[in-house]
Amino acid sequence: MDREYNDLIGDILKEKGEKDNFEGEGKGKPLKKDYLEMDVYQNFQRVAKDAGFLPPWLKLQKEISELIYICKTEKELKEINKKIKKYNSICPSSFQKNFVTMENLEKAKKLW
């Protein structure tokens, strides 16, 4: 071995002829100061948000909200409550919501 360390990613990039794009003076952008102050998960959330990514539970939340707004029957409520059960299983616990009934439908429209 002719090096002090293994650079597997560097070797792969070099094989593909892409390593030159990442090395040298002035290449790449320096990390922002706040990037170093947050943990990996917080950085991922920010980058994902900036890229337009929504976690599955937020997509489901929007879908449930739309269904609640147009709900008219008990049959529709059963489907909504199935989705709420799934939503509660994948969202952070502080965002979990109660099931919807015909009695609390108007209140649910405001909460969702």
PDB file of N, CA and C in Angstrom:
ATOM      1  N   MET A   1       0.837  -1.165   0.000  1.00  0.00           N
ATOM      2  CA  MET A   1       0.000   0.000   0.000  1.00  0.00           C
ATOM      3  C   MET A   1       0.890   1.239   0.000  1.00  0.00           C
ATOM      4  N   ASP A   2       0.621   2.141  -0.904  1.00  0.00           N
ATOM      5  CA  ASP A   2       1.489   3.306  -1.061  1.00  0.00           C
ATOM      6  C   ASP A   2       0.938   4.553  -0.386  1.00  0.00           C
ATOM      7  N   ARG A   3      -0.204   4.444   0.287  1.00  0.00           N
ATOM      8  CA  ARG A   3      -0.791   5.604   0.968  1.00  0.00           C
ATOM      9  C   ARG A   3      -0.981   5.302   2.447  1.00  0.00           C
ATOM     10  N   GLU A   4      -1.110   6.364   3.241  1.00  0.00           N
ATOM     11  CA  GLU A   4      -1.332   6.213   4.673  1.00  0.00           C
ATOM     12  C   GLU A   4      -2.772   5.791   4.983  1.00  0.00           C
ATOM     13  N   TYR A   5      -3.687   6.067   4.085  1.00  0.00           N
ATOM     14  CA  TYR A   5      -5.111   5.790   4.338  1.00  0.00           C
ATOM     15  C   TYR A   5      -5.781   5.321   3.059  1.00  0.00           C
ATOM     16  N   ASN A   6      -6.942   4.718   3.209  1.00  0.00           N
ATOM     17  CA  ASN A   6      -7.753   4.309   2.059  1.00  0.00           C
ATOM     18  C   ASN A   6      -8.749   5.409   1.735  1.00  0.00           C
ATOM     19  N   ASP A   7      -8.804   5.800   0.491  1.00  0.00           N
ATOM     20  CA  ASP A   7      -9.757   6.808   0.033  1.00  0.00           C
ATOM     21  C   ASP A   7     -10.671   6.149  -0.998  1.00  0.00           C
ATOM     22  N   LEU A   8     -11.622   5.340  -0.522  1.00  0.00           N
ATOM     23  CA  LEU A   8     -12.464   4.555  -1.419  1.00  0.00           C
ATOM     24  C   LEU A   8     -13.305   5.442  -2.334  1.00  0.00           C
ATOM     25  N   ILE A   9     -13.930   6.460  -1.779  1.00  0.00           N
ATOM     26  CA  ILE A   9     -14.756   7.362  -2.586  1.00  0.00           C
ATOM     27  C   ILE A   9     -13.883   8.097  -3.596  1.00  0.00           C
ATOM     28  N   GLY A  10     -12.727   8.570  -3.140  1.00  0.00           N
ATOM     29  CA  GLY A  10     -11.806   9.249  -4.043  1.00  0.00           C
ATOM     30  C   GLY A  10     -11.367   8.346  -5.185  1.00  0.00           C
ATOM     31  N   ASP A  11     -11.112   7.075  -4.873  1.00  0.00           N
ATOM     32  CA  ASP A  11     -10.720   6.115  -5.914  1.00  0.00           C
ATOM     33  C   ASP A  11     -11.834   5.909  -6.935  1.00  0.00           C
ATOM     34  N   ILE A  12     -13.061   5.781  -6.455  1.00  0.00           N
ATOM     35  CA  ILE A  12     -14.204   5.594  -7.361  1.00  0.00           C
ATOM     36  C   ILE A  12     -14.363   6.808  -8.266  1.00  0.00           C
ATOM     37  N   LEU A  13     -14.280   8.010  -7.683  1.00  0.00           N
ATOM     38  CA  LEU A  13     -14.411   9.232  -8.482  1.00  0.00           C
ATOM     39  C   LEU A  13     -13.280   9.349  -9.501  1.00  0.00           C
ATOM     40  N   LYS A  14     -12.100   8.951  -9.083  1.00  0.00           N
ATOM     41  CA  LYS A  14     -10.944   9.021  -9.990  1.00  0.00           C
ATOM     42  C   LYS A  14     -11.131   8.065 -11.174  1.00  0.00           C
ATOM     43  N   GLU A  15     -11.646   6.859 -10.901  1.00  0.00           N
ATOM     44  CA  GLU A  15     -11.901   5.883 -11.964  1.00  0.00           C
ATOM     45  C   GLU A  15     -12.910   6.412 -12.979  1.00  0.00           C
ATOM     46  N   LYS A  16     -13.897   7.145 -12.479  1.00  0.00           N
ATOM     47  CA  LYS A  16     -14.939   7.679 -13.361  1.00  0.00           C
ATOM     48  C   LYS A  16     -14.532   9.009 -13.985  1.00  0.00           C
ATOM     49  N   GLY A  17     -13.361   9.499 -13.642  1.00  0.00           N
ATOM     50  CA  GLY A  17     -12.886  10.749 -14.206  1.00  0.00           C
ATOM     51  C   GLY A  17     -13.546  11.978 -13.610  1.00  0.00           C
ATOM     52  N   GLU A  18     -14.116  11.825 -12.430  1.00  0.00           N
ATOM     53  CA  GLU A  18     -14.837  12.934 -11.814  1.00  0.00           C
ATOM     54  C   GLU A  18     -14.087  13.565 -10.654  1.00  0.00           C
ATOM     55  N   LYS A  19     -13.005  12.967 -10.235  1.00  0.00           N
ATOM     56  CA  LYS A  19     -12.300  13.478  -9.077  1.00  0.00           C
ATOM     57  C   LYS A  19     -11.752  14.879  -9.314  1.00  0.00           C
ATOM     58  N   ASP A  20     -11.325  15.160 -10.531  1.00  0.00           N
ATOM     59  CA  ASP A  20     -10.770  16.479 -10.842  1.00  0.00           C
ATOM     60  C   ASP A  20     -11.783  17.588 -10.615  1.00  0.00           C
ATOM     61  N   ASN A  21     -13.050  17.280 -10.683  1.00  0.00           N
ATOM     62  CA  ASN A  21     -14.078  18.297 -10.486  1.00  0.00           C
ATOM     63  C   ASN A  21     -14.173  18.756  -9.036  1.00  0.00           C
ATOM     64  N   PHE A  22     -13.604  17.975  -8.106  1.00  0.00           N
ATOM     65  CA  PHE A  22     -13.779  18.272  -6.692  1.00  0.00           C
ATOM     66  C   PHE A  22     -12.497  18.700  -5.996  1.00  0.00           C
ATOM     67  N   GLU A  23     -11.384  18.654  -6.681  1.00  0.00           N
ATOM     68  CA  GLU A  23     -10.113  18.995  -6.048  1.00  0.00           C
ATOM     69  C   GLU A  23      -9.549  20.280  -6.630  1.00  0.00           C
ATOM     70  N   GLY A  24      -8.686  20.890  -5.878  1.00  0.00           N
ATOM     71  CA  GLY A  24      -7.988  22.065  -6.376  1.00  0.00           C
ATOM     72  C   GLY A  24      -8.451  23.329  -5.687  1.00  0.00           C
ATOM     73  N   GLU A  25      -7.661  24.350  -5.881  1.00  0.00           N
ATOM     74  CA  GLU A  25      -7.948  25.627  -5.244  1.00  0.00           C
ATOM     75  C   GLU A  25      -9.240  26.228  -5.799  1.00  0.00           C
ATOM     76  N   GLY A  26     -10.084  26.696  -4.904  1.00  0.00           N
ATOM     77  CA  GLY A  26     -11.324  27.348  -5.314  1.00  0.00           C
ATOM     78  C   GLY A  26     -12.458  26.399  -5.657  1.00  0.00           C
ATOM     79  N   LYS A  27     -12.251  25.110  -5.523  1.00  0.00           N
ATOM     80  CA  LYS A  27     -13.307  24.145  -5.836  1.00  0.00           C
ATOM     81  C   LYS A  27     -14.197  23.950  -4.616  1.00  0.00           C
ATOM     82  N   GLY A  28     -15.477  23.805  -4.860  1.00  0.00           N
ATOM     83  CA  GLY A  28     -16.413  23.572  -3.771  1.00  0.00           C
ATOM     84  C   GLY A  28     -16.742  24.848  -3.029  1.00  0.00           C
ATOM     85  N   LYS A  29     -17.740  24.760  -2.187  1.00  0.00           N
ATOM     86  CA  LYS A  29     -18.150  25.912  -1.392  1.00  0.00           C
ATOM     87  C   LYS A  29     -17.860  25.632   0.074  1.00  0.00           C
ATOM     88  N   PRO A  30     -17.448  26.645   0.815  1.00  0.00           N
ATOM     89  CA  PRO A  30     -17.224  26.420   2.245  1.00  0.00           C
ATOM     90  C   PRO A  30     -18.552  26.171   2.950  1.00  0.00           C
ATOM     91  N   LEU A  31     -18.508  25.398   4.016  1.00  0.00           N
ATOM     92  CA  LEU A  31     -19.709  25.131   4.799  1.00  0.00           C
ATOM     93  C   LEU A  31     -20.129  26.394   5.535  1.00  0.00           C
ATOM     94  N   LYS A  32     -21.439  26.594   5.618  1.00  0.00           N
ATOM     95  CA  LYS A  32     -21.946  27.737   6.373  1.00  0.00           C
ATOM     96  C   LYS A  32     -21.724  27.487   7.859  1.00  0.00           C
ATOM     97  N   LYS A  33     -21.576  28.566   8.615  1.00  0.00           N
ATOM     98  CA  LYS A  33     -21.312  28.456  10.046  1.00  0.00           C
ATOM     99  C   LYS A  33     -22.439  27.709  10.754  1.00  0.00           C
ATOM    100  N   ASP A  34     -23.704  28.001  10.405  1.00  0.00           N
ATOM    101  CA  ASP A  34     -24.818  27.349  11.088  1.00  0.00           C
ATOM    102  C   ASP A  34     -24.900  25.861  10.766  1.00  0.00           C
ATOM    103  N   TYR A  35     -24.301  25.425   9.668  1.00  0.00           N
ATOM    104  CA  TYR A  35     -24.274  24.008   9.314  1.00  0.00           C
ATOM    105  C   TYR A  35     -23.527  23.208  10.374  1.00  0.00           C
ATOM    106  N   LEU A  36     -22.482  23.776  10.891  1.00  0.00           N
ATOM    107  CA  LEU A  36     -21.671  23.093  11.887  1.00  0.00           C
ATOM    108  C   LEU A  36     -22.294  23.132  13.278  1.00  0.00           C
ATOM    109  N   GLU A  37     -23.273  23.996  13.499  1.00  0.00           N
ATOM    110  CA  GLU A  37     -23.901  24.123  14.809  1.00  0.00           C
ATOM    111  C   GLU A  37     -25.077  23.169  14.997  1.00  0.00           C
ATOM    112  N   MET A  38     -25.603  22.599  13.922  1.00  0.00           N
ATOM    113  CA  MET A  38     -26.761  21.709  14.014  1.00  0.00           C
ATOM    114  C   MET A  38     -26.322  20.260  13.899  1.00  0.00           C
ATOM    115  N   ASP A  39     -27.209  19.356  14.367  1.00  0.00           N
ATOM    116  CA  ASP A  39     -26.892  17.944  14.203  1.00  0.00           C
ATOM    117  C   ASP A  39     -27.248  17.482  12.785  1.00  0.00           C
ATOM    118  N   VAL A  40     -26.899  16.255  12.464  1.00  0.00           N
ATOM    119  CA  VAL A  40     -27.083  15.725  11.108  1.00  0.00           C
ATOM    120  C   VAL A  40     -28.559  15.726  10.714  1.00  0.00           C
ATOM    121  N   TYR A  41     -29.435  15.335  11.636  1.00  0.00           N
ATOM    122  CA  TYR A  41     -30.864  15.264  11.326  1.00  0.00           C
ATOM    123  C   TYR A  41     -31.433  16.646  11.013  1.00  0.00           C
ATOM    124  N   GLN A  42     -31.049  17.648  11.791  1.00  0.00           N
ATOM    125  CA  GLN A  42     -31.524  19.008  11.537  1.00  0.00           C
ATOM    126  C   GLN A  42     -31.036  19.499  10.176  1.00  0.00           C
ATOM    127  N   ASN A  43     -29.805  19.195   9.830  1.00  0.00           N
ATOM    128  CA  ASN A  43     -29.289  19.587   8.519  1.00  0.00           C
ATOM    129  C   ASN A  43     -30.046  18.893   7.405  1.00  0.00           C
ATOM    130  N   PHE A  44     -30.325  17.585   7.594  1.00  0.00           N
ATOM    131  CA  PHE A  44     -31.094  16.855   6.595  1.00  0.00           C
ATOM    132  C   PHE A  44     -32.469  17.480   6.407  1.00  0.00           C
ATOM    133  N   GLN A  45     -33.130  17.813   7.519  1.00  0.00           N
ATOM    134  CA  GLN A  45     -34.469  18.413   7.429  1.00  0.00           C
ATOM    135  C   GLN A  45     -34.442  19.715   6.641  1.00  0.00           C
ATOM    136  N   ARG A  46     -33.458  20.537   6.888  1.00  0.00           N
ATOM    137  CA  ARG A  46     -33.379  21.815   6.195  1.00  0.00           C
ATOM    138  C   ARG A  46     -33.109  21.626   4.707  1.00  0.00           C
ATOM    139  N   VAL A  47     -32.164  20.765   4.380  1.00  0.00           N
ATOM    140  CA  VAL A  47     -31.835  20.515   2.973  1.00  0.00           C
ATOM    141  C   VAL A  47     -33.039  19.902   2.255  1.00  0.00           C
ATOM    142  N   ALA A  48     -33.700  18.948   2.906  1.00  0.00           N
ATOM    143  CA  ALA A  48     -34.867  18.306   2.312  1.00  0.00           C
ATOM    144  C   ALA A  48     -35.986  19.322   2.091  1.00  0.00           C
ATOM    145  N   LYS A  49     -36.200  20.179   3.058  1.00  0.00           N
ATOM    146  CA  LYS A  49     -37.246  21.203   2.942  1.00  0.00           C
ATOM    147  C   LYS A  49     -36.931  22.157   1.788  1.00  0.00           C
ATOM    148  N   ASP A  50     -35.676  22.581   1.707  1.00  0.00           N
ATOM    149  CA  ASP A  50     -35.271  23.488   0.634  1.00  0.00           C
ATOM    150  C   ASP A  50     -35.425  22.847  -0.745  1.00  0.00           C
ATOM    151  N   ALA A  51     -35.303  21.510  -0.788  1.00  0.00           N
ATOM    152  CA  ALA A  51     -35.422  20.790  -2.056  1.00  0.00           C
ATOM    153  C   ALA A  51     -36.881  20.441  -2.383  1.00  0.00           C
ATOM    154  N   GLY A  52     -37.804  20.805  -1.476  1.00  0.00           N
ATOM    155  CA  GLY A  52     -39.221  20.541  -1.732  1.00  0.00           C
ATOM    156  C   GLY A  52     -39.688  19.170  -1.286  1.00  0.00           C
ATOM    157  N   PHE A  53     -38.876  18.445  -0.511  1.00  0.00           N
ATOM    158  CA  PHE A  53     -39.248  17.125  -0.025  1.00  0.00           C
ATOM    159  C   PHE A  53     -40.187  17.249   1.166  1.00  0.00           C
ATOM    160  N   LEU A  54     -41.266  16.479   1.150  1.00  0.00           N
ATOM    161  CA  LEU A  54     -42.169  16.392   2.292  1.00  0.00           C
ATOM    162  C   LEU A  54     -42.108  14.984   2.857  1.00  0.00           C
ATOM    163  N   PRO A  55     -41.975  14.851   4.174  1.00  0.00           N
ATOM    164  CA  PRO A  55     -42.028  13.515   4.767  1.00  0.00           C
ATOM    165  C   PRO A  55     -43.397  12.887   4.492  1.00  0.00           C
ATOM    166  N   PRO A  56     -43.456  11.560   4.440  1.00  0.00           N
ATOM    167  CA  PRO A  56     -44.729  10.884   4.149  1.00  0.00           C
ATOM    168  C   PRO A  56     -45.866  11.283   5.081  1.00  0.00           C
ATOM    169  N   TRP A  57     -45.559  11.533   6.342  1.00  0.00           N
ATOM    170  CA  TRP A  57     -46.634  11.880   7.269  1.00  0.00           C
ATOM    171  C   TRP A  57     -47.219  13.263   6.962  1.00  0.00           C
ATOM    172  N   LEU A  58     -46.419  14.174   6.435  1.00  0.00           N
ATOM    173  CA  LEU A  58     -46.961  15.485   6.062  1.00  0.00           C
ATOM    174  C   LEU A  58     -47.820  15.397   4.805  1.00  0.00           C
ATOM    175  N   LYS A  59     -47.410  14.544   3.865  1.00  0.00           N
ATOM    176  CA  LYS A  59     -48.238  14.325   2.677  1.00  0.00           C
ATOM    177  C   LYS A  59     -49.582  13.737   3.087  1.00  0.00           C
ATOM    178  N   LEU A  60     -49.539  12.769   3.995  1.00  0.00           N
ATOM    179  CA  LEU A  60     -50.766  12.132   4.474  1.00  0.00           C
ATOM    180  C   LEU A  60     -51.631  13.132   5.240  1.00  0.00           C
ATOM    181  N   GLN A  61     -51.009  14.011   5.997  1.00  0.00           N
ATOM    182  CA  GLN A  61     -51.747  15.036   6.736  1.00  0.00           C
ATOM    183  C   GLN A  61     -52.536  15.932   5.780  1.00  0.00           C
ATOM    184  N   LYS A  62     -51.912  16.330   4.693  1.00  0.00           N
ATOM    185  CA  LYS A  62     -52.597  17.165   3.702  1.00  0.00           C
ATOM    186  C   LYS A  62     -53.765  16.410   3.070  1.00  0.00           C
ATOM    187  N   GLU A  63     -53.537  15.136   2.763  1.00  0.00           N
ATOM    188  CA  GLU A  63     -54.593  14.314   2.171  1.00  0.00           C
ATOM    189  C   GLU A  63     -55.782  14.175   3.123  1.00  0.00           C
ATOM    190  N   ILE A  64     -55.492  13.908   4.404  1.00  0.00           N
ATOM    191  CA  ILE A  64     -56.561  13.776   5.399  1.00  0.00           C
ATOM    192  C   ILE A  64     -57.326  15.082   5.537  1.00  0.00           C
ATOM    193  N   SER A  65     -56.618  16.182   5.564  1.00  0.00           N
ATOM    194  CA  SER A  65     -57.259  17.488   5.679  1.00  0.00           C
ATOM    195  C   SER A  65     -58.242  17.724   4.542  1.00  0.00           C
ATOM    196  N   GLU A  66     -57.826  17.396   3.333  1.00  0.00           N
ATOM    197  CA  GLU A  66     -58.713  17.566   2.174  1.00  0.00           C
ATOM    198  C   GLU A  66     -59.932  16.658   2.269  1.00  0.00           C
ATOM    199  N   LEU A  67     -59.722  15.415   2.718  1.00  0.00           N
ATOM    200  CA  LEU A  67     -60.837  14.475   2.844  1.00  0.00           C
ATOM    201  C   LEU A  67     -61.825  14.914   3.922  1.00  0.00           C
ATOM    202  N   ILE A  68     -61.310  15.431   5.028  1.00  0.00           N
ATOM    203  CA  ILE A  68     -62.190  15.909   6.104  1.00  0.00           C
ATOM    204  C   ILE A  68     -63.041  17.067   5.604  1.00  0.00           C
ATOM    205  N   TYR A  69     -62.453  17.941   4.851  1.00  0.00           N
ATOM    206  CA  TYR A  69     -63.166  19.126   4.367  1.00  0.00           C
ATOM    207  C   TYR A  69     -64.360  18.760   3.484  1.00  0.00           C
ATOM    208  N   ILE A  70     -64.245  17.662   2.703  1.00  0.00           N
ATOM    209  CA  ILE A  70     -65.329  17.284   1.791  1.00  0.00           C
ATOM    210  C   ILE A  70     -66.184  16.130   2.318  1.00  0.00           C
ATOM    211  N   CYS A  71     -65.908  15.668   3.524  1.00  0.00           N
ATOM    212  CA  CYS A  71     -66.600  14.505   4.091  1.00  0.00           C
ATOM    213  C   CYS A  71     -68.083  14.784   4.321  1.00  0.00           C
ATOM    214  N   LYS A  72     -68.923  13.804   3.939  1.00  0.00           N
ATOM    215  CA  LYS A  72     -70.374  13.921   4.121  1.00  0.00           C
ATOM    216  C   LYS A  72     -70.993  12.697   4.798  1.00  0.00           C
ATOM    217  N   THR A  73     -70.319  11.532   4.721  1.00  0.00           N
ATOM    218  CA  THR A  73     -70.952  10.300   5.187  1.00  0.00           C
ATOM    219  C   THR A  73     -70.083   9.540   6.182  1.00  0.00           C
ATOM    220  N   GLU A  74     -70.717   8.597   6.880  1.00  0.00           N
ATOM    221  CA  GLU A  74     -70.012   7.719   7.819  1.00  0.00           C
ATOM    222  C   GLU A  74     -68.997   6.844   7.085  1.00  0.00           C
ATOM    223  N   LYS A  75     -69.338   6.422   5.879  1.00  0.00           N
ATOM    224  CA  LYS A  75     -68.426   5.592   5.086  1.00  0.00           C
ATOM    225  C   LYS A  75     -67.130   6.343   4.803  1.00  0.00           C
ATOM    226  N   GLU A  76     -67.249   7.624   4.467  1.00  0.00           N
ATOM    227  CA  GLU A  76     -66.056   8.449   4.231  1.00  0.00           C
ATOM    228  C   GLU A  76     -65.253   8.606   5.523  1.00  0.00           C
ATOM    229  N   LEU A  77     -65.951   8.712   6.650  1.00  0.00           N
ATOM    230  CA  LEU A  77     -65.268   8.832   7.937  1.00  0.00           C
ATOM    231  C   LEU A  77     -64.433   7.596   8.251  1.00  0.00           C
ATOM    232  N   LYS A  78     -64.942   6.420   7.901  1.00  0.00           N
ATOM    233  CA  LYS A  78     -64.172   5.188   8.135  1.00  0.00           C
ATOM    234  C   LYS A  78     -62.848   5.237   7.388  1.00  0.00           C
ATOM    235  N   GLU A  79     -62.884   5.680   6.142  1.00  0.00           N
ATOM    236  CA  GLU A  79     -61.657   5.785   5.341  1.00  0.00           C
ATOM    237  C   GLU A  79     -60.712   6.843   5.920  1.00  0.00           C
ATOM    238  N   ILE A  80     -61.291   7.948   6.348  1.00  0.00           N
ATOM    239  CA  ILE A  80     -60.480   9.014   6.952  1.00  0.00           C
ATOM    240  C   ILE A  80     -59.803   8.490   8.215  1.00  0.00           C
ATOM    241  N   ASN A  81     -60.550   7.777   9.054  1.00  0.00           N
ATOM    242  CA  ASN A  81     -59.988   7.264  10.303  1.00  0.00           C
ATOM    243  C   ASN A  81     -58.917   6.204  10.062  1.00  0.00           C
ATOM    244  N   LYS A  82     -59.022   5.435   8.990  1.00  0.00           N
ATOM    245  CA  LYS A  82     -57.955   4.504   8.622  1.00  0.00           C
ATOM    246  C   LYS A  82     -56.683   5.285   8.304  1.00  0.00           C
ATOM    247  N   LYS A  83     -56.851   6.379   7.576  1.00  0.00           N
ATOM    248  CA  LYS A  83     -55.696   7.210   7.228  1.00  0.00           C
ATOM    249  C   LYS A  83     -55.117   7.896   8.469  1.00  0.00           C
ATOM    250  N   ILE A  84     -55.995   8.300   9.391  1.00  0.00           N
ATOM    251  CA  ILE A  84     -55.522   8.920  10.635  1.00  0.00           C
ATOM    252  C   ILE A  84     -54.714   7.906  11.445  1.00  0.00           C
ATOM    253  N   LYS A  85     -55.173   6.668  11.469  1.00  0.00           N
ATOM    254  CA  LYS A  85     -54.431   5.619  12.186  1.00  0.00           C
ATOM    255  C   LYS A  85     -53.031   5.463  11.589  1.00  0.00           C
ATOM    256  N   LYS A  86     -52.946   5.429  10.268  1.00  0.00           N
ATOM    257  CA  LYS A  86     -51.642   5.325   9.606  1.00  0.00           C
ATOM    258  C   LYS A  86     -50.798   6.564   9.903  1.00  0.00           C
ATOM    259  N   TYR A  87     -51.435   7.743   9.802  1.00  0.00           N
ATOM    260  CA  TYR A  87     -50.749   9.007  10.085  1.00  0.00           C
ATOM    261  C   TYR A  87     -50.146   8.987  11.492  1.00  0.00           C
ATOM    262  N   ASN A  88     -50.950   8.570  12.489  1.00  0.00           N
ATOM    263  CA  ASN A  88     -50.471   8.534  13.872  1.00  0.00           C
ATOM    264  C   ASN A  88     -49.316   7.560  14.061  1.00  0.00           C
ATOM    265  N   SER A  89     -49.243   6.543  13.224  1.00  0.00           N
ATOM    266  CA  SER A  89     -48.166   5.562  13.358  1.00  0.00           C
ATOM    267  C   SER A  89     -46.840   6.047  12.765  1.00  0.00           C
ATOM    268  N   ILE A  90     -46.880   7.070  11.901  1.00  0.00           N
ATOM    269  CA  ILE A  90     -45.634   7.518  11.254  1.00  0.00           C
ATOM    270  C   ILE A  90     -45.219   8.944  11.607  1.00  0.00           C
ATOM    271  N   CYS A  91     -46.112   9.717  12.213  1.00  0.00           N
ATOM    272  CA  CYS A  91     -45.764  11.108  12.529  1.00  0.00           C
ATOM    273  C   CYS A  91     -45.130  11.187  13.921  1.00  0.00           C
ATOM    274  N   PRO A  92     -44.447  12.288  14.227  1.00  0.00           N
ATOM    275  CA  PRO A  92     -43.940  12.482  15.589  1.00  0.00           C
ATOM    276  C   PRO A  92     -45.101  12.488  16.582  1.00  0.00           C
ATOM    277  N   SER A  93     -44.882  11.954  17.765  1.00  0.00           N
ATOM    278  CA  SER A  93     -45.974  11.779  18.732  1.00  0.00           C
ATOM    279  C   SER A  93     -46.672  13.085  19.088  1.00  0.00           C
ATOM    280  N   SER A  94     -45.971  14.186  19.058  1.00  0.00           N
ATOM    281  CA  SER A  94     -46.598  15.465  19.412  1.00  0.00           C
ATOM    282  C   SER A  94     -47.600  15.935  18.354  1.00  0.00           C
ATOM    283  N   PHE A  95     -47.586  15.331  17.163  1.00  0.00           N
ATOM    284  CA  PHE A  95     -48.501  15.721  16.093  1.00  0.00           C
ATOM    285  C   PHE A  95     -49.675  14.761  15.915  1.00  0.00           C
ATOM    286  N   GLN A  96     -49.741  13.726  16.732  1.00  0.00           N
ATOM    287  CA  GLN A  96     -50.811  12.744  16.588  1.00  0.00           C
ATOM    288  C   GLN A  96     -52.169  13.375  16.871  1.00  0.00           C
ATOM    289  N   LYS A  97     -53.197  12.867  16.176  1.00  0.00           N
ATOM    290  CA  LYS A  97     -54.540  13.443  16.278  1.00  0.00           C
ATOM    291  C   LYS A  97     -55.555  12.348  16.590  1.00  0.00           C
ATOM    292  N   ASN A  98     -56.708  12.772  17.118  1.00  0.00           N
ATOM    293  CA  ASN A  98     -57.805  11.859  17.430  1.00  0.00           C
ATOM    294  C   ASN A  98     -58.596  11.525  16.175  1.00  0.00           C
ATOM    295  N   PHE A  99     -59.349  10.433  16.272  1.00  0.00           N
ATOM    296  CA  PHE A  99     -60.212  10.045  15.167  1.00  0.00           C
ATOM    297  C   PHE A  99     -61.353  11.042  15.017  1.00  0.00           C
ATOM    298  N   VAL A 100     -61.969  11.038  13.850  1.00  0.00           N
ATOM    299  CA  VAL A 100     -63.037  11.982  13.529  1.00  0.00           C
ATOM    300  C   VAL A 100     -64.377  11.256  13.560  1.00  0.00           C
ATOM    301  N   THR A 101     -65.372  11.921  14.127  1.00  0.00           N
ATOM    302  CA  THR A 101     -66.746  11.425  14.121  1.00  0.00           C
ATOM    303  C   THR A 101     -67.624  12.486  13.477  1.00  0.00           C
ATOM    304  N   MET A 102     -68.859  12.133  13.198  1.00  0.00           N
ATOM    305  CA  MET A 102     -69.783  13.121  12.636  1.00  0.00           C
ATOM    306  C   MET A 102     -70.004  14.265  13.627  1.00  0.00           C
ATOM    307  N   GLU A 103     -69.941  13.946  14.923  1.00  0.00           N
ATOM    308  CA  GLU A 103     -70.149  14.966  15.957  1.00  0.00           C
ATOM    309  C   GLU A 103     -69.007  15.986  16.022  1.00  0.00           C
ATOM    310  N   ASN A 104     -67.796  15.538  15.777  1.00  0.00           N
ATOM    311  CA  ASN A 104     -66.666  16.483  15.879  1.00  0.00           C
ATOM    312  C   ASN A 104     -66.076  16.849  14.514  1.00  0.00           C
ATOM    313  N   LEU A 105     -66.827  16.612  13.448  1.00  0.00           N
ATOM    314  CA  LEU A 105     -66.349  16.875  12.090  1.00  0.00           C
ATOM    315  C   LEU A 105     -66.000  18.347  11.866  1.00  0.00           C
ATOM    316  N   GLU A 106     -66.852  19.248  12.307  1.00  0.00           N
ATOM    317  CA  GLU A 106     -66.580  20.685  12.125  1.00  0.00           C
ATOM    318  C   GLU A 106     -65.339  21.123  12.881  1.00  0.00           C
ATOM    319  N   LYS A 107     -65.170  20.587  14.088  1.00  0.00           N
ATOM    320  CA  LYS A 107     -63.978  20.906  14.881  1.00  0.00           C
ATOM    321  C   LYS A 107     -62.723  20.343  14.183  1.00  0.00           C
ATOM    322  N   ALA A 108     -62.853  19.129  13.623  1.00  0.00           N
ATOM    323  CA  ALA A 108     -61.727  18.503  12.929  1.00  0.00           C
ATOM    324  C   ALA A 108     -61.294  19.312  11.713  1.00  0.00           C
ATOM    325  N   LYS A 109     -62.261  19.934  11.032  1.00  0.00           N
ATOM    326  CA  LYS A 109     -61.917  20.771   9.859  1.00  0.00           C
ATOM    327  C   LYS A 109     -60.985  21.912  10.271  1.00  0.00           C
ATOM    328  N   LYS A 110     -61.193  22.430  11.463  1.00  0.00           N
ATOM    329  CA  LYS A 110     -60.332  23.519  11.943  1.00  0.00           C
ATOM    330  C   LYS A 110     -58.974  23.001  12.422  1.00  0.00           C
ATOM    331  N   LEU A 111     -58.968  21.805  13.045  1.00  0.00           N
ATOM    332  CA  LEU A 111     -57.724  21.250  13.584  1.00  0.00           C
ATOM    333  C   LEU A 111     -56.794  20.730  12.497  1.00  0.00           C
ATOM    334  N   TRP A 112     -57.365  20.161  11.446  1.00  0.00           N
ATOM    335  CA  TRP A 112     -56.553  19.578  10.396  1.00  0.00           C
ATOM    336  C   TRP A 112     -56.176  20.634   9.391  1.00  0.00           C
TER     337      TRP A 112
END
